Amino acid sequence: MDPTRRTWLAAERTWLAWWRTGLGASAVAIAVGRVVPGFTGGSHLPFKLLGFAYGILAVAILAIGAVRQAHVAEALRRGTYDELSSPLVLWLTAGGVGLALATLALIAVGF
């Protein structure tokens, strides 16, 4: 197979990975914000807020994935490489870690 073709296919798989991650975050948003509160005897508000935050993360991942795909496609057309922004990686990681810690805190507190 032509290496250029393989590179384009790899770029498509990466875009699909952004989509899978965004859809996964959407599923977590629904689970945390709507399903889990039904099993708790405490306040639903913390779970709804956390679910909303996961939803925002999902939207961000989907949007960033689309922009990233466009940048990678343009770089491939030029025969160059488009590196993923380190600050973007840092912000997405911080957001994910923050949400995970908030989820653990809700579990530990026992809402």
PDB file of N, CA and C in Angstrom:
ATOM      1  N   MET A   1       0.850  -1.176   0.000  1.00  0.00           N
ATOM      2  CA  MET A   1       0.000   0.000   0.000  1.00  0.00           C
ATOM      3  C   MET A   1       0.898   1.243   0.000  1.00  0.00           C
ATOM      4  N   ASP A   2       0.461   2.218  -0.710  1.00  0.00           N
ATOM      5  CA  ASP A   2       1.166   3.499  -0.809  1.00  0.00           C
ATOM      6  C   ASP A   2       1.265   4.156   0.568  1.00  0.00           C
ATOM      7  N   PRO A   3       2.467   4.618   0.981  1.00  0.00           N
ATOM      8  CA  PRO A   3       2.614   5.241   2.308  1.00  0.00           C
ATOM      9  C   PRO A   3       1.717   6.464   2.505  1.00  0.00           C
ATOM     10  N   THR A   4       1.483   7.215   1.449  1.00  0.00           N
ATOM     11  CA  THR A   4       0.624   8.390   1.562  1.00  0.00           C
ATOM     12  C   THR A   4      -0.791   7.961   1.925  1.00  0.00           C
ATOM     13  N   ARG A   5      -1.229   6.913   1.299  1.00  0.00           N
ATOM     14  CA  ARG A   5      -2.569   6.399   1.568  1.00  0.00           C
ATOM     15  C   ARG A   5      -2.683   5.912   3.015  1.00  0.00           C
ATOM     16  N   ARG A   6      -1.651   5.235   3.484  1.00  0.00           N
ATOM     17  CA  ARG A   6      -1.642   4.768   4.870  1.00  0.00           C
ATOM     18  C   ARG A   6      -1.698   5.942   5.844  1.00  0.00           C
ATOM     19  N   THR A   7      -1.003   7.003   5.509  1.00  0.00           N
ATOM     20  CA  THR A   7      -0.997   8.180   6.377  1.00  0.00           C
ATOM     21  C   THR A   7      -2.381   8.813   6.431  1.00  0.00           C
ATOM     22  N   TRP A   8      -3.042   8.912   5.284  1.00  0.00           N
ATOM     23  CA  TRP A   8      -4.405   9.455   5.265  1.00  0.00           C
ATOM     24  C   TRP A   8      -5.349   8.576   6.087  1.00  0.00           C
ATOM     25  N   LEU A   9      -5.210   7.262   5.944  1.00  0.00           N
ATOM     26  CA  LEU A   9      -6.067   6.347   6.700  1.00  0.00           C
ATOM     27  C   LEU A   9      -5.794   6.453   8.199  1.00  0.00           C
ATOM     28  N   ALA A  10      -4.531   6.625   8.570  1.00  0.00           N
ATOM     29  CA  ALA A  10      -4.185   6.810   9.984  1.00  0.00           C
ATOM     30  C   ALA A  10      -4.810   8.100  10.516  1.00  0.00           C
ATOM     31  N   ALA A  11      -4.808   9.144   9.704  1.00  0.00           N
ATOM     32  CA  ALA A  11      -5.420  10.413  10.110  1.00  0.00           C
ATOM     33  C   ALA A  11      -6.927  10.232  10.311  1.00  0.00           C
ATOM     34  N   GLU A  12      -7.547   9.449   9.447  1.00  0.00           N
ATOM     35  CA  GLU A  12      -8.977   9.173   9.606  1.00  0.00           C
ATOM     36  C   GLU A  12      -9.245   8.388  10.885  1.00  0.00           C
ATOM     37  N   ARG A  13      -8.398   7.411  11.185  1.00  0.00           N
ATOM     38  CA  ARG A  13      -8.571   6.638  12.422  1.00  0.00           C
ATOM     39  C   ARG A  13      -8.401   7.531  13.653  1.00  0.00           C
ATOM     40  N   THR A  14      -7.477   8.465  13.567  1.00  0.00           N
ATOM     41  CA  THR A  14      -7.275   9.388  14.688  1.00  0.00           C
ATOM     42  C   THR A  14      -8.502  10.268  14.880  1.00  0.00           C
ATOM     43  N   TRP A  15      -9.073  10.748  13.787  1.00  0.00           N
ATOM     44  CA  TRP A  15     -10.296  11.548  13.875  1.00  0.00           C
ATOM     45  C   TRP A  15     -11.421  10.729  14.502  1.00  0.00           C
ATOM     46  N   LEU A  16     -11.529   9.458  14.110  1.00  0.00           N
ATOM     47  CA  LEU A  16     -12.556   8.597  14.700  1.00  0.00           C
ATOM     48  C   LEU A  16     -12.302   8.369  16.189  1.00  0.00           C
ATOM     49  N   ALA A  17     -11.038   8.350  16.600  1.00  0.00           N
ATOM     50  CA  ALA A  17     -10.707   8.218  18.020  1.00  0.00           C
ATOM     51  C   ALA A  17     -11.189   9.454  18.796  1.00  0.00           C
ATOM     52  N   TRP A  18     -11.035  10.638  18.202  1.00  0.00           N
ATOM     53  CA  TRP A  18     -11.582  11.850  18.834  1.00  0.00           C
ATOM     54  C   TRP A  18     -13.093  11.691  19.000  1.00  0.00           C
ATOM     55  N   TRP A  19     -13.748  11.172  17.971  1.00  0.00           N
ATOM     56  CA  TRP A  19     -15.199  10.974  18.026  1.00  0.00           C
ATOM     57  C   TRP A  19     -15.577   9.973  19.108  1.00  0.00           C
ATOM     58  N   ARG A  20     -14.867   8.847  19.168  1.00  0.00           N
ATOM     59  CA  ARG A  20     -15.170   7.840  20.193  1.00  0.00           C
ATOM     60  C   ARG A  20     -15.007   8.433  21.590  1.00  0.00           C
ATOM     61  N   THR A  21     -13.968   9.209  21.772  1.00  0.00           N
ATOM     62  CA  THR A  21     -13.728   9.816  23.070  1.00  0.00           C
ATOM     63  C   THR A  21     -14.833  10.820  23.415  1.00  0.00           C
ATOM     64  N   GLY A  22     -15.239  11.624  22.444  1.00  0.00           N
ATOM     65  CA  GLY A  22     -16.333  12.573  22.670  1.00  0.00           C
ATOM     66  C   GLY A  22     -17.645  11.877  22.988  1.00  0.00           C
ATOM     67  N   LEU A  23     -17.932  10.804  22.264  1.00  0.00           N
ATOM     68  CA  LEU A  23     -19.164  10.057  22.533  1.00  0.00           C
ATOM     69  C   LEU A  23     -19.092   9.368  23.889  1.00  0.00           C
ATOM     70  N   GLY A  24     -17.910   8.883  24.265  1.00  0.00           N
ATOM     71  CA  GLY A  24     -17.734   8.279  25.586  1.00  0.00           C
ATOM     72  C   GLY A  24     -17.979   9.300  26.685  1.00  0.00           C
ATOM     73  N   ALA A  25     -17.452  10.501  26.514  1.00  0.00           N
ATOM     74  CA  ALA A  25     -17.683  11.563  27.498  1.00  0.00           C
ATOM     75  C   ALA A  25     -19.165  11.935  27.542  1.00  0.00           C
ATOM     76  N   SER A  26     -19.847  11.878  26.406  1.00  0.00           N
ATOM     77  CA  SER A  26     -21.293  12.144  26.373  1.00  0.00           C
ATOM     78  C   SER A  26     -22.050  11.088  27.172  1.00  0.00           C
ATOM     79  N   ALA A  27     -21.650   9.833  27.032  1.00  0.00           N
ATOM     80  CA  ALA A  27     -22.292   8.748  27.775  1.00  0.00           C
ATOM     81  C   ALA A  27     -22.058   8.916  29.275  1.00  0.00           C
ATOM     82  N   VAL A  28     -20.857   9.306  29.653  1.00  0.00           N
ATOM     83  CA  VAL A  28     -20.563   9.551  31.069  1.00  0.00           C
ATOM     84  C   VAL A  28     -21.406  10.722  31.579  1.00  0.00           C
ATOM     85  N   ALA A  29     -21.565  11.741  30.754  1.00  0.00           N
ATOM     86  CA  ALA A  29     -22.383  12.901  31.150  1.00  0.00           C
ATOM     87  C   ALA A  29     -23.810  12.470  31.471  1.00  0.00           C
ATOM     88  N   ILE A  30     -24.367  11.633  30.621  1.00  0.00           N
ATOM     89  CA  ILE A  30     -25.737  11.150  30.848  1.00  0.00           C
ATOM     90  C   ILE A  30     -25.791  10.268  32.097  1.00  0.00           C
ATOM     91  N   ALA A  31     -24.816   9.381  32.229  1.00  0.00           N
ATOM     92  CA  ALA A  31     -24.803   8.473  33.382  1.00  0.00           C
ATOM     93  C   ALA A  31     -24.667   9.231  34.697  1.00  0.00           C
ATOM     94  N   VAL A  32     -23.702  10.142  34.754  1.00  0.00           N
ATOM     95  CA  VAL A  32     -23.454  10.874  35.995  1.00  0.00           C
ATOM     96  C   VAL A  32     -24.574  11.881  36.278  1.00  0.00           C
ATOM     97  N   GLY A  33     -25.039  12.548  35.243  1.00  0.00           N
ATOM     98  CA  GLY A  33     -26.017  13.610  35.447  1.00  0.00           C
ATOM     99  C   GLY A  33     -27.453  13.153  35.578  1.00  0.00           C
ATOM    100  N   ARG A  34     -27.780  11.997  34.982  1.00  0.00           N
ATOM    101  CA  ARG A  34     -29.188  11.581  34.973  1.00  0.00           C
ATOM    102  C   ARG A  34     -29.431  10.213  35.595  1.00  0.00           C
ATOM    103  N   VAL A  35     -28.538   9.268  35.395  1.00  0.00           N
ATOM    104  CA  VAL A  35     -28.785   7.908  35.866  1.00  0.00           C
ATOM    105  C   VAL A  35     -28.389   7.749  37.327  1.00  0.00           C
ATOM    106  N   VAL A  36     -27.160   8.141  37.665  1.00  0.00           N
ATOM    107  CA  VAL A  36     -26.650   7.954  39.027  1.00  0.00           C
ATOM    108  C   VAL A  36     -27.510   8.660  40.076  1.00  0.00           C
ATOM    109  N   PRO A  37     -27.982   9.887  39.844  1.00  0.00           N
ATOM    110  CA  PRO A  37     -28.797  10.531  40.880  1.00  0.00           C
ATOM    111  C   PRO A  37     -30.029   9.724  41.288  1.00  0.00           C
ATOM    112  N   GLY A  38     -30.524   8.896  40.380  1.00  0.00           N
ATOM    113  CA  GLY A  38     -31.680   8.051  40.701  1.00  0.00           C
ATOM    114  C   GLY A  38     -31.359   6.970  41.712  1.00  0.00           C
ATOM    115  N   PHE A  39     -30.086   6.651  41.871  1.00  0.00           N
ATOM    116  CA  PHE A  39     -29.685   5.615  42.816  1.00  0.00           C
ATOM    117  C   PHE A  39     -29.204   6.176  44.150  1.00  0.00           C
ATOM    118  N   THR A  40     -29.134   7.475  44.258  1.00  0.00           N
ATOM    119  CA  THR A  40     -28.636   8.090  45.494  1.00  0.00           C
ATOM    120  C   THR A  40     -29.797   8.658  46.292  1.00  0.00           C
ATOM    121  N   GLY A  41     -29.610   8.706  47.569  1.00  0.00           N
ATOM    122  CA  GLY A  41     -30.654   9.269  48.409  1.00  0.00           C
ATOM    123  C   GLY A  41     -30.413  10.736  48.711  1.00  0.00           C
ATOM    124  N   GLY A  42     -29.256  11.233  48.302  1.00  0.00           N
ATOM    125  CA  GLY A  42     -28.883  12.611  48.622  1.00  0.00           C
ATOM    126  C   GLY A  42     -29.300  13.587  47.538  1.00  0.00           C
ATOM    127  N   SER A  43     -28.631  14.714  47.553  1.00  0.00           N
ATOM    128  CA  SER A  43     -28.906  15.779  46.597  1.00  0.00           C
ATOM    129  C   SER A  43     -28.509  15.370  45.181  1.00  0.00           C
ATOM    130  N   HIS A  44     -29.346  15.714  44.240  1.00  0.00           N
ATOM    131  CA  HIS A  44     -29.057  15.418  42.840  1.00  0.00           C
ATOM    132  C   HIS A  44     -28.203  16.496  42.183  1.00  0.00           C
ATOM    133  N   LEU A  45     -28.181  17.686  42.767  1.00  0.00           N
ATOM    134  CA  LEU A  45     -27.504  18.822  42.150  1.00  0.00           C
ATOM    135  C   LEU A  45     -26.016  18.562  41.855  1.00  0.00           C
ATOM    136  N   PRO A  46     -25.246  18.002  42.782  1.00  0.00           N
ATOM    137  CA  PRO A  46     -23.821  17.776  42.460  1.00  0.00           C
ATOM    138  C   PRO A  46     -23.634  16.860  41.246  1.00  0.00           C
ATOM    139  N   PHE A  47     -24.468  15.843  41.129  1.00  0.00           N
ATOM    140  CA  PHE A  47     -24.360  14.929  39.997  1.00  0.00           C
ATOM    141  C   PHE A  47     -24.771  15.611  38.691  1.00  0.00           C
ATOM    142  N   LYS A  48     -25.808  16.423  38.759  1.00  0.00           N
ATOM    143  CA  LYS A  48     -26.233  17.144  37.561  1.00  0.00           C
ATOM    144  C   LYS A  48     -25.149  18.117  37.093  1.00  0.00           C
ATOM    145  N   LEU A  49     -24.519  18.816  38.038  1.00  0.00           N
ATOM    146  CA  LEU A  49     -23.434  19.737  37.677  1.00  0.00           C
ATOM    147  C   LEU A  49     -22.238  18.983  37.094  1.00  0.00           C
ATOM    148  N   LEU A  50     -21.902  17.861  37.701  1.00  0.00           N
ATOM    149  CA  LEU A  50     -20.790  17.060  37.199  1.00  0.00           C
ATOM    150  C   LEU A  50     -21.121  16.483  35.819  1.00  0.00           C
ATOM    151  N   GLY A  51     -22.350  16.030  35.630  1.00  0.00           N
ATOM    152  CA  GLY A  51     -22.779  15.538  34.321  1.00  0.00           C
ATOM    153  C   GLY A  51     -22.712  16.630  33.266  1.00  0.00           C
ATOM    154  N   PHE A  52     -23.119  17.836  33.646  1.00  0.00           N
ATOM    155  CA  PHE A  52     -23.043  18.971  32.732  1.00  0.00           C
ATOM    156  C   PHE A  52     -21.591  19.251  32.347  1.00  0.00           C
ATOM    157  N   ALA A  53     -20.680  19.176  33.322  1.00  0.00           N
ATOM    158  CA  ALA A  53     -19.254  19.410  33.051  1.00  0.00           C
ATOM    159  C   ALA A  53     -18.703  18.342  32.104  1.00  0.00           C
ATOM    160  N   TYR A  54     -19.099  17.090  32.295  1.00  0.00           N
ATOM    161  CA  TYR A  54     -18.680  16.043  31.357  1.00  0.00           C
ATOM    162  C   TYR A  54     -19.244  16.318  29.964  1.00  0.00           C
ATOM    163  N   GLY A  55     -20.455  16.845  29.898  1.00  0.00           N
ATOM    164  CA  GLY A  55     -21.041  17.202  28.607  1.00  0.00           C
ATOM    165  C   GLY A  55     -20.249  18.292  27.911  1.00  0.00           C
ATOM    166  N   ILE A  56     -19.798  19.282  28.673  1.00  0.00           N
ATOM    167  CA  ILE A  56     -18.957  20.344  28.103  1.00  0.00           C
ATOM    168  C   ILE A  56     -17.652  19.745  27.580  1.00  0.00           C
ATOM    169  N   LEU A  57     -17.064  18.827  28.347  1.00  0.00           N
ATOM    170  CA  LEU A  57     -15.842  18.160  27.887  1.00  0.00           C
ATOM    171  C   LEU A  57     -16.104  17.403  26.587  1.00  0.00           C
ATOM    172  N   ALA A  58     -17.238  16.734  26.497  1.00  0.00           N
ATOM    173  CA  ALA A  58     -17.584  15.987  25.283  1.00  0.00           C
ATOM    174  C   ALA A  58     -17.676  16.918  24.073  1.00  0.00           C
ATOM    175  N   VAL A  59     -18.353  18.039  24.239  1.00  0.00           N
ATOM    176  CA  VAL A  59     -18.483  19.004  23.139  1.00  0.00           C
ATOM    177  C   VAL A  59     -17.107  19.528  22.736  1.00  0.00           C
ATOM    178  N   ALA A  60     -16.275  19.836  23.732  1.00  0.00           N
ATOM    179  CA  ALA A  60     -14.924  20.334  23.442  1.00  0.00           C
ATOM    180  C   ALA A  60     -14.116  19.297  22.666  1.00  0.00           C
ATOM    181  N   ILE A  61     -14.182  18.049  23.082  1.00  0.00           N
ATOM    182  CA  ILE A  61     -13.427  16.989  22.405  1.00  0.00           C
ATOM    183  C   ILE A  61     -13.899  16.839  20.964  1.00  0.00           C
ATOM    184  N   LEU A  62     -15.193  16.840  20.740  1.00  0.00           N
ATOM    185  CA  LEU A  62     -15.717  16.699  19.378  1.00  0.00           C
ATOM    186  C   LEU A  62     -15.311  17.886  18.507  1.00  0.00           C
ATOM    187  N   ALA A  63     -15.410  19.088  19.047  1.00  0.00           N
ATOM    188  CA  ALA A  63     -15.045  20.279  18.275  1.00  0.00           C
ATOM    189  C   ALA A  63     -13.544  20.314  17.989  1.00  0.00           C
ATOM    190  N   ILE A  64     -12.748  20.031  18.993  1.00  0.00           N
ATOM    191  CA  ILE A  64     -11.294  20.031  18.805  1.00  0.00           C
ATOM    192  C   ILE A  64     -10.892  18.949  17.817  1.00  0.00           C
ATOM    193  N   GLY A  65     -11.543  17.801  17.886  1.00  0.00           N
ATOM    194  CA  GLY A  65     -11.245  16.724  16.938  1.00  0.00           C
ATOM    195  C   GLY A  65     -11.522  17.137  15.501  1.00  0.00           C
ATOM    196  N   ALA A  66     -12.612  17.872  15.290  1.00  0.00           N
ATOM    197  CA  ALA A  66     -12.940  18.335  13.940  1.00  0.00           C
ATOM    198  C   ALA A  66     -11.906  19.335  13.437  1.00  0.00           C
ATOM    199  N   VAL A  67     -11.535  20.282  14.300  1.00  0.00           N
ATOM    200  CA  VAL A  67     -10.521  21.270  13.912  1.00  0.00           C
ATOM    201  C   VAL A  67      -9.184  20.587  13.669  1.00  0.00           C
ATOM    202  N   ARG A  68      -8.854  19.661  14.542  1.00  0.00           N
ATOM    203  CA  ARG A  68      -7.581  18.932  14.400  1.00  0.00           C
ATOM    204  C   ARG A  68      -7.548  18.163  13.079  1.00  0.00           C
ATOM    205  N   GLN A  69      -8.654  17.514  12.726  1.00  0.00           N
ATOM    206  CA  GLN A  69      -8.711  16.765  11.468  1.00  0.00           C
ATOM    207  C   GLN A  69      -8.478  17.692  10.273  1.00  0.00           C
ATOM    208  N   ALA A  70      -9.072  18.869  10.311  1.00  0.00           N
ATOM    209  CA  ALA A  70      -8.887  19.821   9.214  1.00  0.00           C
ATOM    210  C   ALA A  70      -7.427  20.259   9.115  1.00  0.00           C
ATOM    211  N   HIS A  71      -6.785  20.497  10.256  1.00  0.00           N
ATOM    212  CA  HIS A  71      -5.366  20.907  10.249  1.00  0.00           C
ATOM    213  C   HIS A  71      -4.463  19.786   9.736  1.00  0.00           C
ATOM    214  N   VAL A  72      -4.742  18.561  10.178  1.00  0.00           N
ATOM    215  CA  VAL A  72      -3.938  17.415   9.739  1.00  0.00           C
ATOM    216  C   VAL A  72      -4.123  17.177   8.247  1.00  0.00           C
ATOM    217  N   ALA A  73      -5.354  17.264   7.760  1.00  0.00           N
ATOM    218  CA  ALA A  73      -5.617  17.061   6.335  1.00  0.00           C
ATOM    219  C   ALA A  73      -4.878  18.102   5.497  1.00  0.00           C
ATOM    220  N   GLU A  74      -4.908  19.348   5.948  1.00  0.00           N
ATOM    221  CA  GLU A  74      -4.195  20.400   5.220  1.00  0.00           C
ATOM    222  C   GLU A  74      -2.690  20.151   5.238  1.00  0.00           C
ATOM    223  N   ALA A  75      -2.164  19.730   6.367  1.00  0.00           N
ATOM    224  CA  ALA A  75      -0.730  19.428   6.462  1.00  0.00           C
ATOM    225  C   ALA A  75      -0.359  18.265   5.540  1.00  0.00           C
ATOM    226  N   LEU A  76      -1.218  17.268   5.461  1.00  0.00           N
ATOM    227  CA  LEU A  76      -0.944  16.131   4.568  1.00  0.00           C
ATOM    228  C   LEU A  76      -0.941  16.575   3.107  1.00  0.00           C
ATOM    229  N   ARG A  77      -1.858  17.455   2.752  1.00  0.00           N
ATOM    230  CA  ARG A  77      -1.886  17.963   1.376  1.00  0.00           C
ATOM    231  C   ARG A  77      -0.594  18.709   1.028  1.00  0.00           C
ATOM    232  N   ARG A  78      -0.040  19.426   2.023  1.00  0.00           N
ATOM    233  CA  ARG A  78       1.212  20.164   1.817  1.00  0.00           C
ATOM    234  C   ARG A  78       2.439  19.268   1.942  1.00  0.00           C
ATOM    235  N   GLY A  79       2.241  18.067   2.465  1.00  0.00           N
ATOM    236  CA  GLY A  79       3.368  17.165   2.669  1.00  0.00           C
ATOM    237  C   GLY A  79       4.146  17.490   3.938  1.00  0.00           C
ATOM    238  N   THR A  80       3.460  18.122   4.911  1.00  0.00           N
ATOM    239  CA  THR A  80       4.115  18.486   6.169  1.00  0.00           C
ATOM    240  C   THR A  80       3.413  17.776   7.321  1.00  0.00           C
ATOM    241  N   TYR A  81       3.757  18.187   8.518  1.00  0.00           N
ATOM    242  CA  TYR A  81       3.209  17.593   9.731  1.00  0.00           C
ATOM    243  C   TYR A  81       2.623  18.692  10.602  1.00  0.00           C
ATOM    244  N   ASP A  82       1.499  18.416  11.235  1.00  0.00           N
ATOM    245  CA  ASP A  82       0.875  19.377  12.133  1.00  0.00           C
ATOM    246  C   ASP A  82       0.878  18.795  13.537  1.00  0.00           C
ATOM    247  N   GLU A  83       1.766  19.320  14.365  1.00  0.00           N
ATOM    248  CA  GLU A  83       1.917  18.799  15.724  1.00  0.00           C
ATOM    249  C   GLU A  83       0.748  19.220  16.605  1.00  0.00           C
ATOM    250  N   LEU A  84       0.322  18.320  17.464  1.00  0.00           N
ATOM    251  CA  LEU A  84      -0.741  18.620  18.413  1.00  0.00           C
ATOM    252  C   LEU A  84      -0.205  19.600  19.449  1.00  0.00           C
ATOM    253  N   SER A  85      -0.952  20.630  19.702  1.00  0.00           N
ATOM    254  CA  SER A  85      -0.549  21.703  20.609  1.00  0.00           C
ATOM    255  C   SER A  85      -0.369  21.186  22.040  1.00  0.00           C
ATOM    256  N   SER A  86       0.788  21.446  22.619  1.00  0.00           N
ATOM    257  CA  SER A  86       1.038  21.044  24.007  1.00  0.00           C
ATOM    258  C   SER A  86       0.077  21.718  24.992  1.00  0.00           C
ATOM    259  N   PRO A  87      -0.208  23.024  24.842  1.00  0.00           N
ATOM    260  CA  PRO A  87      -1.189  23.627  25.756  1.00  0.00           C
ATOM    261  C   PRO A  87      -2.572  22.977  25.642  1.00  0.00           C
ATOM    262  N   LEU A  88      -2.961  22.589  24.439  1.00  0.00           N
ATOM    263  CA  LEU A  88      -4.246  21.927  24.262  1.00  0.00           C
ATOM    264  C   LEU A  88      -4.253  20.599  25.008  1.00  0.00           C
ATOM    265  N   VAL A  89      -3.189  19.842  24.861  1.00  0.00           N
ATOM    266  CA  VAL A  89      -3.073  18.561  25.570  1.00  0.00           C
ATOM    267  C   VAL A  89      -3.147  18.805  27.077  1.00  0.00           C
ATOM    268  N   LEU A  90      -2.464  19.815  27.546  1.00  0.00           N
ATOM    269  CA  LEU A  90      -2.460  20.141  28.971  1.00  0.00           C
ATOM    270  C   LEU A  90      -3.868  20.490  29.455  1.00  0.00           C
ATOM    271  N   TRP A  91      -4.582  21.333  28.706  1.00  0.00           N
ATOM    272  CA  TRP A  91      -5.929  21.741  29.112  1.00  0.00           C
ATOM    273  C   TRP A  91      -6.911  20.579  29.113  1.00  0.00           C
ATOM    274  N   LEU A  92      -6.854  19.737  28.072  1.00  0.00           N
ATOM    275  CA  LEU A  92      -7.756  18.582  28.036  1.00  0.00           C
ATOM    276  C   LEU A  92      -7.436  17.607  29.161  1.00  0.00           C
ATOM    277  N   THR A  93      -6.155  17.392  29.419  1.00  0.00           N
ATOM    278  CA  THR A  93      -5.757  16.496  30.500  1.00  0.00           C
ATOM    279  C   THR A  93      -6.199  17.054  31.848  1.00  0.00           C
ATOM    280  N   ALA A  94      -5.978  18.342  32.055  1.00  0.00           N
ATOM    281  CA  ALA A  94      -6.391  18.969  33.313  1.00  0.00           C
ATOM    282  C   ALA A  94      -7.907  18.871  33.504  1.00  0.00           C
ATOM    283  N   GLY A  95      -8.652  19.082  32.428  1.00  0.00           N
ATOM    284  CA  GLY A  95     -10.104  18.963  32.515  1.00  0.00           C
ATOM    285  C   GLY A  95     -10.539  17.547  32.868  1.00  0.00           C
ATOM    286  N   GLY A  96      -9.931  16.571  32.224  1.00  0.00           N
ATOM    287  CA  GLY A  96     -10.255  15.173  32.522  1.00  0.00           C
ATOM    288  C   GLY A  96      -9.884  14.780  33.936  1.00  0.00           C
ATOM    289  N   VAL A  97      -8.698  15.194  34.374  1.00  0.00           N
ATOM    290  CA  VAL A  97      -8.265  14.894  35.743  1.00  0.00           C
ATOM    291  C   VAL A  97      -9.182  15.583  36.749  1.00  0.00           C
ATOM    292  N   GLY A  98      -9.526  16.837  36.498  1.00  0.00           N
ATOM    293  CA  GLY A  98     -10.425  17.561  37.395  1.00  0.00           C
ATOM    294  C   GLY A  98     -11.780  16.877  37.520  1.00  0.00           C
ATOM    295  N   LEU A  99     -12.327  16.438  36.392  1.00  0.00           N
ATOM    296  CA  LEU A  99     -13.616  15.751  36.432  1.00  0.00           C
ATOM    297  C   LEU A  99     -13.508  14.408  37.137  1.00  0.00           C
ATOM    298  N   ALA A 100     -12.422  13.688  36.908  1.00  0.00           N
ATOM    299  CA  ALA A 100     -12.229  12.403  37.575  1.00  0.00           C
ATOM    300  C   ALA A 100     -12.111  12.592  39.088  1.00  0.00           C
ATOM    301  N   LEU A 101     -11.370  13.619  39.501  1.00  0.00           N
ATOM    302  CA  LEU A 101     -11.238  13.893  40.933  1.00  0.00           C
ATOM    303  C   LEU A 101     -12.574  14.308  41.549  1.00  0.00           C
ATOM    304  N   ALA A 102     -13.338  15.102  40.826  1.00  0.00           N
ATOM    305  CA  ALA A 102     -14.659  15.507  41.314  1.00  0.00           C
ATOM    306  C   ALA A 102     -15.582  14.291  41.442  1.00  0.00           C
ATOM    307  N   THR A 103     -15.496  13.386  40.497  1.00  0.00           N
ATOM    308  CA  THR A 103     -16.297  12.159  40.551  1.00  0.00           C
ATOM    309  C   THR A 103     -15.903  11.326  41.765  1.00  0.00           C
ATOM    310  N   LEU A 104     -14.596  11.175  41.969  1.00  0.00           N
ATOM    311  CA  LEU A 104     -14.118  10.417  43.131  1.00  0.00           C
ATOM    312  C   LEU A 104     -14.553  11.083  44.434  1.00  0.00           C
ATOM    313  N   ALA A 105     -14.524  12.400  44.461  1.00  0.00           N
ATOM    314  CA  ALA A 105     -14.947  13.127  45.670  1.00  0.00           C
ATOM    315  C   ALA A 105     -16.424  12.866  45.963  1.00  0.00           C
ATOM    316  N   LEU A 106     -17.253  12.884  44.933  1.00  0.00           N
ATOM    317  CA  LEU A 106     -18.690  12.600  45.147  1.00  0.00           C
ATOM    318  C   LEU A 106     -18.902  11.183  45.656  1.00  0.00           C
ATOM    319  N   ILE A 107     -18.123  10.267  45.135  1.00  0.00           N
ATOM    320  CA  ILE A 107     -18.233   8.866  45.586  1.00  0.00           C
ATOM    321  C   ILE A 107     -17.774   8.763  47.045  1.00  0.00           C
ATOM    322  N   ALA A 108     -16.669   9.420  47.365  1.00  0.00           N
ATOM    323  CA  ALA A 108     -16.121   9.351  48.720  1.00  0.00           C
ATOM    324  C   ALA A 108     -17.058   9.985  49.740  1.00  0.00           C
ATOM    325  N   VAL A 109     -17.674  11.093  49.367  1.00  0.00           N
ATOM    326  CA  VAL A 109     -18.579  11.795  50.278  1.00  0.00           C
ATOM    327  C   VAL A 109     -19.870  11.006  50.456  1.00  0.00           C
ATOM    328  N   GLY A 110     -20.222  10.240  49.426  1.00  0.00           N
ATOM    329  CA  GLY A 110     -21.407   9.392  49.510  1.00  0.00           C
ATOM    330  C   GLY A 110     -22.717  10.106  49.282  1.00  0.00           C
ATOM    331  N   PHE A 111     -22.734  11.046  48.352  1.00  0.00           N
ATOM    332  CA  PHE A 111     -23.971  11.764  48.021  1.00  0.00           C
ATOM    333  C   PHE A 111     -25.034  10.807  47.610  1.00  0.00           C
TER     334      PHE A 111
END
